[in-house]
Amino acid sequence: MNKKAFLLVFIYTFCFSVFGQDNSWPLQKCIDEAMKNSIEIKISQLQVKKSQKLHNSIANQMLPTVSFTGNQSYNFGSTIDPSTNGRVSSNIQNDNFYLNAQMNVIDFRAFANAQKTKIDIEKAKADLAVIENEYQLQIVESYYQALFTQELLKIQKQQFKNSEFNLTRIQKEVEIGSKPQSDLYDMQLNFTQEEVKILETEQLFLIQKKQLFQLMNVENTSIAEVVLEHFVNNNSIENSFENNPKIIAAELNYKGNLNETRLQKADNLPSLTTFYGFSTFYYKPLNQPDVVVDNFNKQISDNKNHQLGLQLNVPIFNGFRNSRRVSATKIEAEKSKFVIEQEKLKIKNQIDIETQNKINLEQLEAKLAQMKTFADASFRTSQSKFTSGVIDAVVFSAVKNQLLSTEYDLLKNQLQRQFTDVKIHLIQGKSL
């Protein structure tokens, strides 16, 4: 018998833990699911991969380009005889083959372009980090809004048990004649009002959970049973905000604009290119059956030509067009430099506001805790007075609502302080 009882308890505990965990959604789990399902983040991740594919290193850009060209043509009438280079009146078939290779020996634009594509990769990663950071802030805000309502619902249901007890007691006392019927009416009104408030809170909580799961892009058919957990942030708060992804993205944008200036200046610098060319041809007169020409293989072998050389290109004058482009990129770089300072100022101000908000919440918490102590004492004495008939149901209901309000205000203040810690942590560019 003891073994059976132990087995039943074990099965019940196991089932509760398994199914309870499925409906329990801590903040970190919500963020992980949201990051995994976000379409915007997936698009940005593909942009990072695209930037990586577009990146060409210096070595890659300095590799030679090789091309092969073959063409067949027919010349009719007066044309050039390939065997004599003289003009003849004849129809000739020409088959020409060219192999060309070219390699940059000195190309300042290639150096600047390689650096640009490298910066583009880092910029794409920074843009992805910005999207992830802002998305996490949205998840955290939505999560805590729902958590506030969940905790309010708990307090309301806890206080509702007291209302059920008092309503039952008043009904019995009215039946035996120790309480007037008006007290029962007052208690029934108060009881119904609390039922309506609980129903409204449940409906609001359900809507907020739906909004949270829609934001995470997660389908959950049992959303009514979802329970949110308190988040404990053990990370210390620092004043540093240099790791904020918006600042990093702005710095990379400035770095990219500086490189764009170097890229435009490269058009004013000389370039040195080496090249190699190989060509051969085959020809055949079409309207001269008496003319004997060598076969295809022999002509291809005999007509080979090689060309090897260096080409130096020195820009001299381009109508000042490139100088104007260089000036424009310098102005753009100056603009992006101010954007860095602007982003730093925004982040600093945001952290200052949230830090002050946290200080205010900490100061307020002591007063709210004191109010709750007084509200608890007032409720206990009012319960005794209501039981003995000293006060009526209306006064007792007001005292109980006051206790409910102070309990929720204290708990919400504590949750808001947690929320502020998490926000500051994310604004600083750190992960939870």
Protein backbone atom coordinates (compact mmCIF):
# COMPACT_ATOMS: atom_id res chain seq x y z
CA MET A 1 0.00 0.00 0.00
CA ASN A 2 2.82 2.38 0.88
CA LYS A 3 4.50 1.54 -2.41
CA LYS A 4 1.34 2.34 -4.34
CA ALA A 5 0.93 5.64 -2.53
CA PHE A 6 4.55 6.53 -3.19
CA LEU A 7 4.13 5.65 -6.87
CA LEU A 8 1.03 7.84 -7.20
CA VAL A 9 2.79 10.77 -5.53
CA PHE A 10 5.80 10.31 -7.81
CA ILE A 11 3.65 10.20 -10.95
CA TYR A 12 1.71 13.28 -9.87
CA THR A 13 4.89 15.21 -9.10
CA PHE A 14 6.50 14.17 -12.37
CA CYS A 15 3.47 15.14 -14.45
CA PHE A 16 3.15 18.46 -12.65
CA SER A 17 6.80 19.31 -13.22
CA VAL A 18 6.73 18.31 -16.89
CA PHE A 19 3.49 20.04 -17.85
CA GLY A 20 4.16 22.96 -15.55
CA GLN A 21 7.45 23.62 -17.27
CA ASP A 22 5.75 23.67 -20.66
CA ASN A 23 3.48 26.52 -19.53
CA SER A 24 6.18 28.40 -17.65
CA TRP A 25 7.82 31.14 -19.71
CA PRO A 26 10.73 32.96 -18.07
CA LEU A 27 12.05 36.12 -19.71
CA GLN A 28 15.15 34.44 -21.13
CA LYS A 29 13.05 31.75 -22.81
CA CYS A 30 10.86 34.41 -24.41
CA ILE A 31 13.90 36.27 -25.73
CA ASP A 32 15.50 33.08 -27.07
CA GLU A 33 12.32 32.06 -28.89
CA ALA A 34 11.81 35.57 -30.26
CA MET A 35 15.37 35.79 -31.58
CA LYS A 36 14.98 32.41 -33.23
CA ASN A 37 11.68 33.26 -34.94
CA SER A 38 12.12 36.92 -35.89
CA ILE A 39 11.82 37.38 -39.65
CA GLU A 40 13.55 40.77 -39.50
CA ILE A 41 16.55 39.21 -37.76
CA LYS A 42 16.70 36.42 -40.36
CA ILE A 43 16.74 39.04 -43.13
CA SER A 44 19.61 40.86 -41.41
CA GLN A 45 21.51 37.60 -40.97
CA LEU A 46 21.24 37.01 -44.72
CA GLN A 47 22.53 40.53 -45.29
CA VAL A 48 25.60 39.64 -43.22
CA LYS A 49 26.17 36.53 -45.33
CA LYS A 50 25.75 38.58 -48.51
CA SER A 51 28.37 41.09 -47.32
CA GLN A 52 30.74 38.22 -46.54
CA LYS A 53 30.30 36.83 -50.04
CA LEU A 54 30.93 40.25 -51.61
CA HIS A 55 34.19 40.71 -49.72
CA ASN A 56 37.30 40.40 -51.87
CA SER A 57 40.68 40.34 -50.17
CA ILE A 58 43.73 42.12 -51.60
CA ALA A 59 45.18 38.81 -52.77
CA ASN A 60 41.93 37.91 -54.49
CA GLN A 61 41.69 41.28 -56.25
CA MET A 62 45.31 41.04 -57.42
CA LEU A 63 44.77 37.65 -59.06
CA PRO A 64 44.94 37.80 -62.87
CA THR A 65 41.84 37.79 -64.98
CA VAL A 66 41.99 35.33 -67.88
CA SER A 67 39.64 35.25 -70.85
CA PHE A 68 39.43 33.20 -74.03
CA THR A 69 37.77 34.48 -77.21
CA GLY A 70 37.07 32.61 -80.43
CA ASN A 71 35.28 33.84 -83.50
CA GLN A 72 34.56 32.69 -87.03
CA SER A 73 33.89 35.17 -89.80
CA TYR A 74 33.33 35.24 -93.57
CA ASN A 75 34.65 38.11 -95.66
CA PHE A 76 33.21 38.70 -99.13
CA GLY A 77 34.62 40.87 -101.91
CA SER A 78 37.64 43.05 -101.29
CA THR A 79 39.31 41.86 -98.12
CA ILE A 80 42.68 41.25 -96.46
CA ASP A 81 44.41 37.96 -97.18
CA PRO A 82 45.76 36.84 -93.76
CA SER A 83 48.66 34.97 -95.38
CA THR A 84 50.05 38.08 -97.18
CA ASN A 85 48.28 40.94 -95.41
CA GLY A 86 47.48 42.19 -98.87
CA ARG A 87 44.08 43.22 -100.18
CA VAL A 88 42.51 40.73 -102.57
CA SER A 89 39.14 40.27 -104.21
CA SER A 90 38.07 37.02 -102.68
CA ASN A 91 35.76 35.34 -100.21
CA ILE A 92 37.70 34.16 -97.14
CA GLN A 93 36.78 32.24 -94.03
CA ASN A 94 38.60 33.39 -90.87
CA ASP A 95 38.82 31.55 -87.53
CA ASN A 96 40.53 33.62 -84.82
CA PHE A 97 41.43 32.58 -81.26
CA TYR A 98 42.63 34.87 -78.46
CA LEU A 99 43.79 34.12 -74.93
CA ASN A 100 44.26 37.19 -72.72
CA ALA A 101 45.50 37.52 -69.14
CA GLN A 102 45.74 40.71 -67.13
CA MET A 103 46.92 41.36 -63.57
CA ASN A 104 47.12 44.54 -61.54
CA VAL A 105 50.55 45.09 -60.07
CA ILE A 106 49.78 48.41 -58.38
CA ASP A 107 46.15 49.42 -57.94
CA PHE A 108 45.28 51.72 -55.04
CA ARG A 109 41.57 51.40 -55.76
CA ALA A 110 41.80 47.64 -55.19
CA PHE A 111 43.34 48.25 -51.75
CA ALA A 112 40.60 50.71 -50.82
CA ASN A 113 37.84 48.47 -52.19
CA ALA A 114 39.09 45.48 -50.19
CA GLN A 115 38.98 47.58 -47.03
CA LYS A 116 35.49 48.83 -47.93
CA THR A 117 34.01 45.35 -48.31
CA LYS A 118 35.63 44.34 -45.02
CA ILE A 119 33.99 47.30 -43.28
CA ASP A 120 30.68 46.42 -44.97
CA ILE A 121 30.76 43.04 -43.23
CA GLU A 122 31.30 44.65 -39.83
CA LYS A 123 28.60 47.22 -40.59
CA ALA A 124 26.11 44.49 -41.51
CA LYS A 125 26.89 42.70 -38.23
CA ALA A 126 26.44 45.96 -36.31
CA ASP A 127 23.09 46.61 -38.03
CA LEU A 128 22.04 43.09 -37.04
CA ALA A 129 23.06 43.80 -33.44
CA VAL A 130 20.98 47.02 -33.47
CA ILE A 131 17.89 45.13 -34.64
CA GLU A 132 18.45 42.37 -32.05
CA ASN A 133 18.93 44.90 -29.25
CA GLU A 134 15.80 46.90 -30.10
CA TYR A 135 13.81 43.69 -30.52
CA GLN A 136 14.91 42.46 -27.09
CA LEU A 137 13.83 45.76 -25.55
CA GLN A 138 10.38 45.32 -27.14
CA ILE A 139 10.14 41.77 -25.77
CA VAL A 140 11.18 42.89 -22.28
CA GLU A 141 8.65 45.73 -22.23
CA SER A 142 5.82 43.49 -23.44
CA TYR A 143 6.84 40.78 -20.97
CA TYR A 144 6.79 43.07 -17.95
CA GLN A 145 3.48 44.64 -18.92
CA ALA A 146 1.96 41.17 -18.85
CA LEU A 147 3.84 40.32 -15.64
CA PHE A 148 2.37 43.40 -13.90
CA THR A 149 -1.13 42.21 -14.78
CA GLN A 150 -0.36 38.63 -13.74
CA GLU A 151 0.74 39.74 -10.26
CA LEU A 152 -2.31 42.01 -9.92
CA LEU A 153 -4.52 39.05 -10.77
CA LYS A 154 -2.85 36.96 -8.06
CA ILE A 155 -3.49 39.64 -5.43
CA GLN A 156 -7.09 40.08 -6.55
CA LYS A 157 -7.77 36.32 -6.34
CA GLN A 158 -6.13 36.14 -2.94
CA GLN A 159 -8.33 38.96 -1.64
CA PHE A 160 -11.36 37.36 -3.30
CA LYS A 161 -11.07 34.38 -0.96
CA ASN A 162 -11.68 36.75 1.95
CA SER A 163 -14.75 38.14 0.16
CA GLU A 164 -16.14 34.63 -0.35
CA PHE A 165 -15.64 33.88 3.34
CA ASN A 166 -17.32 37.12 4.47
CA LEU A 167 -20.22 36.70 2.04
CA THR A 168 -20.92 33.20 3.32
CA ARG A 169 -20.72 34.39 6.92
CA ILE A 170 -23.03 37.37 6.31
CA GLN A 171 -25.58 35.10 4.58
CA LYS A 172 -25.70 32.85 7.63
CA GLU A 173 -25.97 35.78 10.04
CA VAL A 174 -28.81 37.31 8.00
CA GLU A 175 -30.60 33.97 8.03
CA ILE A 176 -30.46 33.80 11.85
CA GLY A 177 -31.38 37.50 12.15
CA SER A 178 -28.13 38.83 13.66
CA LYS A 179 -27.39 41.00 10.60
CA PRO A 180 -29.75 43.21 8.56
CA GLN A 181 -30.58 42.35 4.96
CA SER A 182 -28.89 45.59 3.84
CA ASP A 183 -25.49 44.23 4.93
CA LEU A 184 -26.03 41.24 2.68
CA TYR A 185 -26.92 43.49 -0.24
CA ASP A 186 -23.78 45.56 0.34
CA MET A 187 -21.63 42.45 0.57
CA GLN A 188 -23.18 40.94 -2.55
CA LEU A 189 -22.52 44.19 -4.44
CA ASN A 190 -18.92 44.24 -3.27
CA PHE A 191 -18.53 40.55 -4.14
CA THR A 192 -19.89 41.10 -7.67
CA GLN A 193 -17.68 44.13 -8.19
CA GLU A 194 -14.61 42.06 -7.29
CA GLU A 195 -15.72 39.33 -9.70
CA VAL A 196 -15.98 41.92 -12.49
CA LYS A 197 -12.52 43.33 -11.67
CA ILE A 198 -10.99 39.85 -11.68
CA LEU A 199 -12.66 39.08 -15.02
CA GLU A 200 -11.39 42.34 -16.52
CA THR A 201 -7.88 41.63 -15.26
CA GLU A 202 -8.00 38.09 -16.68
CA GLN A 203 -9.10 39.42 -20.05
CA LEU A 204 -6.38 42.07 -20.04
CA PHE A 205 -3.78 39.47 -19.05
CA LEU A 206 -4.87 37.19 -21.88
CA ILE A 207 -4.63 40.03 -24.43
CA GLN A 208 -1.16 41.01 -23.17
CA LYS A 209 0.05 37.41 -23.39
CA LYS A 210 -1.29 37.16 -26.94
CA GLN A 211 0.53 40.37 -27.85
CA LEU A 212 3.73 38.99 -26.30
CA PHE A 213 3.52 35.71 -28.21
CA GLN A 214 2.64 37.51 -31.45
CA LEU A 215 5.70 39.70 -30.94
CA MET A 216 7.79 36.54 -30.45
CA ASN A 217 6.15 34.99 -33.54
CA VAL A 218 5.28 31.89 -31.50
CA GLU A 219 2.07 29.90 -31.85
CA ASN A 220 0.71 28.75 -28.48
CA THR A 221 -2.70 27.11 -28.30
CA SER A 222 -2.62 26.93 -24.48
CA ILE A 223 -1.81 30.60 -23.97
CA ALA A 224 -4.42 30.92 -21.20
CA GLU A 225 -2.31 28.58 -19.02
CA VAL A 226 0.99 30.38 -19.66
CA VAL A 227 2.70 31.56 -16.47
CA LEU A 228 5.37 34.26 -16.52
CA GLU A 229 8.28 34.18 -14.08
CA HIS A 230 10.14 36.90 -12.26
CA PHE A 231 13.56 37.70 -13.71
CA VAL A 232 16.50 38.17 -11.37
CA ASN A 233 19.28 40.24 -12.89
CA ASN A 234 22.54 39.46 -11.12
CA ASN A 235 24.64 41.62 -13.43
CA SER A 236 26.10 44.80 -12.04
CA ILE A 237 25.09 48.12 -13.57
CA GLU A 238 27.93 50.17 -15.03
CA ASN A 239 28.09 53.62 -16.54
CA SER A 240 29.77 52.41 -19.72
CA PHE A 241 27.70 52.44 -22.89
CA GLU A 242 30.37 52.13 -25.59
CA ASN A 243 29.13 48.62 -26.44
CA ASN A 244 25.72 49.87 -27.49
CA PRO A 245 25.21 48.54 -31.05
CA LYS A 246 23.90 51.89 -32.32
CA ILE A 247 27.17 53.57 -31.36
CA ILE A 248 29.21 50.75 -32.92
CA ALA A 249 27.15 51.00 -36.12
CA ALA A 250 27.64 54.78 -36.24
CA GLU A 251 31.40 54.39 -35.76
CA LEU A 252 31.58 51.81 -38.55
CA ASN A 253 29.54 54.10 -40.79
CA TYR A 254 32.08 56.88 -40.17
CA LYS A 255 34.92 54.45 -40.86
CA GLY A 256 33.21 53.40 -44.10
CA ASN A 257 32.82 57.02 -45.22
CA LEU A 258 36.51 57.69 -44.59
CA ASN A 259 37.33 54.67 -46.71
CA GLU A 260 34.97 55.95 -49.42
CA THR A 261 37.09 59.09 -49.55
CA ARG A 262 40.20 56.98 -50.02
CA LEU A 263 38.38 55.05 -52.72
CA GLN A 264 37.60 58.25 -54.64
CA LYS A 265 41.15 59.55 -54.20
CA ALA A 266 42.47 56.29 -55.70
CA ASP A 267 41.07 57.38 -59.07
CA ASN A 268 43.66 60.18 -59.06
CA LEU A 269 46.57 57.80 -58.44
CA PRO A 270 48.53 55.87 -61.09
CA SER A 271 47.96 52.16 -61.69
CA LEU A 272 50.33 49.58 -63.12
CA THR A 273 49.04 46.54 -64.98
CA THR A 274 50.83 43.62 -66.58
CA PHE A 275 49.23 41.70 -69.39
CA TYR A 276 49.80 38.70 -71.61
CA GLY A 277 48.09 37.88 -74.89
CA PHE A 278 48.15 34.84 -77.14
CA SER A 279 46.45 34.65 -80.54
CA THR A 280 46.31 32.46 -83.60
CA PHE A 281 44.09 32.07 -86.66
CA TYR A 282 43.04 29.84 -89.53
CA TYR A 283 41.91 31.06 -92.93
CA LYS A 284 40.55 29.47 -96.11
CA PRO A 285 39.63 31.05 -99.48
CA LEU A 286 36.11 30.05 -100.44
CA ASN A 287 35.94 30.92 -104.16
CA GLN A 288 39.44 29.81 -105.20
CA PRO A 289 39.48 26.01 -105.49
CA ASP A 290 42.94 26.04 -107.05
CA VAL A 291 44.55 27.75 -104.06
CA VAL A 292 46.13 25.27 -101.67
CA VAL A 293 46.33 26.28 -97.99
CA ASP A 294 47.77 24.46 -95.01
CA ASN A 295 45.43 22.40 -92.90
CA PHE A 296 43.80 23.70 -89.73
CA ASN A 297 46.31 22.29 -87.22
CA LYS A 298 49.34 23.55 -89.12
CA GLN A 299 47.92 27.04 -89.55
CA ILE A 300 47.00 27.24 -85.88
CA SER A 301 50.56 26.23 -84.98
CA ASP A 302 52.29 28.51 -87.50
CA ASN A 303 50.15 31.62 -86.84
CA LYS A 304 50.74 31.78 -83.08
CA ASN A 305 51.47 35.18 -81.64
CA HIS A 306 52.47 36.14 -78.05
CA GLN A 307 52.30 39.55 -76.45
CA LEU A 308 53.62 40.45 -72.99
CA GLY A 309 53.81 43.94 -71.51
CA LEU A 310 53.26 46.47 -68.72
CA GLN A 311 50.76 49.30 -68.84
CA LEU A 312 51.09 52.41 -66.67
CA ASN A 313 48.02 54.59 -66.35
CA VAL A 314 48.53 58.06 -64.88
CA PRO A 315 45.39 60.24 -64.51
CA ILE A 316 46.12 63.82 -65.58
CA PHE A 317 42.84 65.66 -65.95
CA ASN A 318 39.21 64.60 -65.58
CA GLY A 319 37.45 67.96 -65.53
CA PHE A 320 37.62 68.24 -61.72
CA ARG A 321 34.79 65.72 -61.48
CA ASN A 322 36.69 63.38 -59.19
CA SER A 323 37.82 66.25 -56.96
CA ARG A 324 34.19 67.16 -56.40
CA ARG A 325 33.36 63.56 -55.49
CA VAL A 326 36.25 63.50 -53.01
CA SER A 327 34.99 66.73 -51.40
CA ALA A 328 31.46 65.29 -51.17
CA THR A 329 32.70 62.12 -49.43
CA LYS A 330 34.68 64.23 -46.95
CA ILE A 331 31.50 66.15 -46.07
CA GLU A 332 29.63 62.86 -45.65
CA ALA A 333 32.38 61.61 -43.33
CA GLU A 334 32.06 64.76 -41.21
CA LYS A 335 28.32 64.23 -41.01
CA SER A 336 28.74 60.63 -39.87
CA LYS A 337 31.24 61.78 -37.23
CA PHE A 338 28.59 64.04 -35.72
CA VAL A 339 26.13 61.13 -35.84
CA ILE A 340 28.48 59.20 -33.51
CA GLU A 341 28.38 62.02 -30.98
CA GLN A 342 24.62 62.30 -31.40
CA GLU A 343 24.11 58.59 -30.71
CA LYS A 344 26.40 58.71 -27.69
CA LEU A 345 24.47 61.66 -26.29
CA LYS A 346 21.13 59.90 -26.86
CA ILE A 347 22.30 56.70 -25.16
CA LYS A 348 23.86 58.61 -22.26
CA ASN A 349 20.67 60.61 -21.70
CA GLN A 350 18.58 57.46 -21.90
CA ILE A 351 20.74 55.67 -19.32
CA ASP A 352 20.72 58.75 -17.07
CA ILE A 353 16.91 58.84 -17.14
CA GLU A 354 16.60 55.12 -16.43
CA THR A 355 19.18 55.34 -13.62
CA GLN A 356 17.28 58.22 -12.02
CA ASN A 357 14.07 56.27 -12.47
CA LYS A 358 15.64 53.34 -10.61
CA ILE A 359 16.73 55.63 -7.77
CA ASN A 360 13.20 57.04 -7.55
CA LEU A 361 11.72 53.53 -7.43
CA GLU A 362 14.14 52.51 -4.66
CA GLN A 363 13.19 55.57 -2.63
CA LEU A 364 9.49 54.96 -3.22
CA GLU A 365 9.73 51.30 -2.26
CA ALA A 366 10.42 52.09 1.41
CA LYS A 367 7.32 54.28 1.61
CA LEU A 368 5.17 51.73 -0.19
CA ALA A 369 6.37 48.99 2.19
CA GLN A 370 5.41 51.22 5.12
CA MET A 371 1.99 51.87 3.56
CA LYS A 372 1.46 48.14 3.15
CA THR A 373 2.28 47.56 6.82
CA PHE A 374 -0.30 50.13 7.83
CA ALA A 375 -2.83 48.73 5.34
CA ASP A 376 -2.35 45.20 6.74
CA ALA A 377 -2.93 46.46 10.28
CA SER A 378 -5.95 48.50 9.18
CA PHE A 379 -7.44 45.49 7.39
CA ARG A 380 -7.02 43.20 10.38
CA THR A 381 -8.69 45.65 12.74
CA SER A 382 -11.44 46.38 10.19
CA GLN A 383 -12.07 42.65 9.79
CA SER A 384 -12.61 42.39 13.56
CA LYS A 385 -14.85 45.47 13.57
CA PHE A 386 -16.87 44.15 10.63
CA THR A 387 -17.27 40.76 12.33
CA SER A 388 -18.51 42.41 15.51
CA GLY A 389 -20.80 44.76 13.58
CA VAL A 390 -19.00 48.01 14.42
CA ILE A 391 -18.55 48.97 10.75
CA ASP A 392 -20.69 48.14 7.76
CA ALA A 393 -19.78 46.29 4.55
CA VAL A 394 -19.18 49.51 2.59
CA VAL A 395 -16.48 50.75 4.97
CA PHE A 396 -14.92 47.31 5.20
CA SER A 397 -14.85 47.04 1.39
CA ALA A 398 -13.05 50.38 1.15
CA VAL A 399 -10.41 49.22 3.64
CA LYS A 400 -9.93 45.96 1.75
CA ASN A 401 -9.58 47.79 -1.58
CA GLN A 402 -6.99 50.02 0.06
CA LEU A 403 -5.00 46.96 1.09
CA LEU A 404 -5.28 45.53 -2.43
CA SER A 405 -4.03 48.80 -3.91
CA THR A 406 -1.03 49.07 -1.57
CA GLU A 407 -0.04 45.42 -2.15
CA TYR A 408 -0.12 45.88 -5.91
CA ASP A 409 1.68 49.25 -5.80
CA LEU A 410 4.52 47.71 -3.78
CA LEU A 411 4.83 44.66 -6.02
CA LYS A 412 4.60 46.71 -9.20
CA ASN A 413 7.29 49.06 -7.90
CA GLN A 414 9.60 46.07 -7.32
CA LEU A 415 8.88 44.71 -10.81
CA GLN A 416 9.44 48.12 -12.37
CA ARG A 417 12.83 48.28 -10.66
CA GLN A 418 13.69 44.88 -12.17
CA PHE A 419 12.44 46.11 -15.53
CA THR A 420 14.62 49.22 -15.27
CA ASP A 421 17.70 47.11 -14.48
CA VAL A 422 17.07 44.95 -17.53
CA LYS A 423 16.52 48.00 -19.76
CA ILE A 424 19.76 49.65 -18.62
CA HIS A 425 21.61 46.38 -19.19
CA LEU A 426 20.29 46.06 -22.75
CA ILE A 427 20.85 49.75 -23.55
CA GLN A 428 24.48 49.27 -22.56
CA GLY A 429 24.69 46.63 -25.29
CA LYS A 430 24.95 43.61 -23.00
CA SER A 431 23.10 40.32 -23.20
CA LEU A 432 20.91 39.09 -20.36
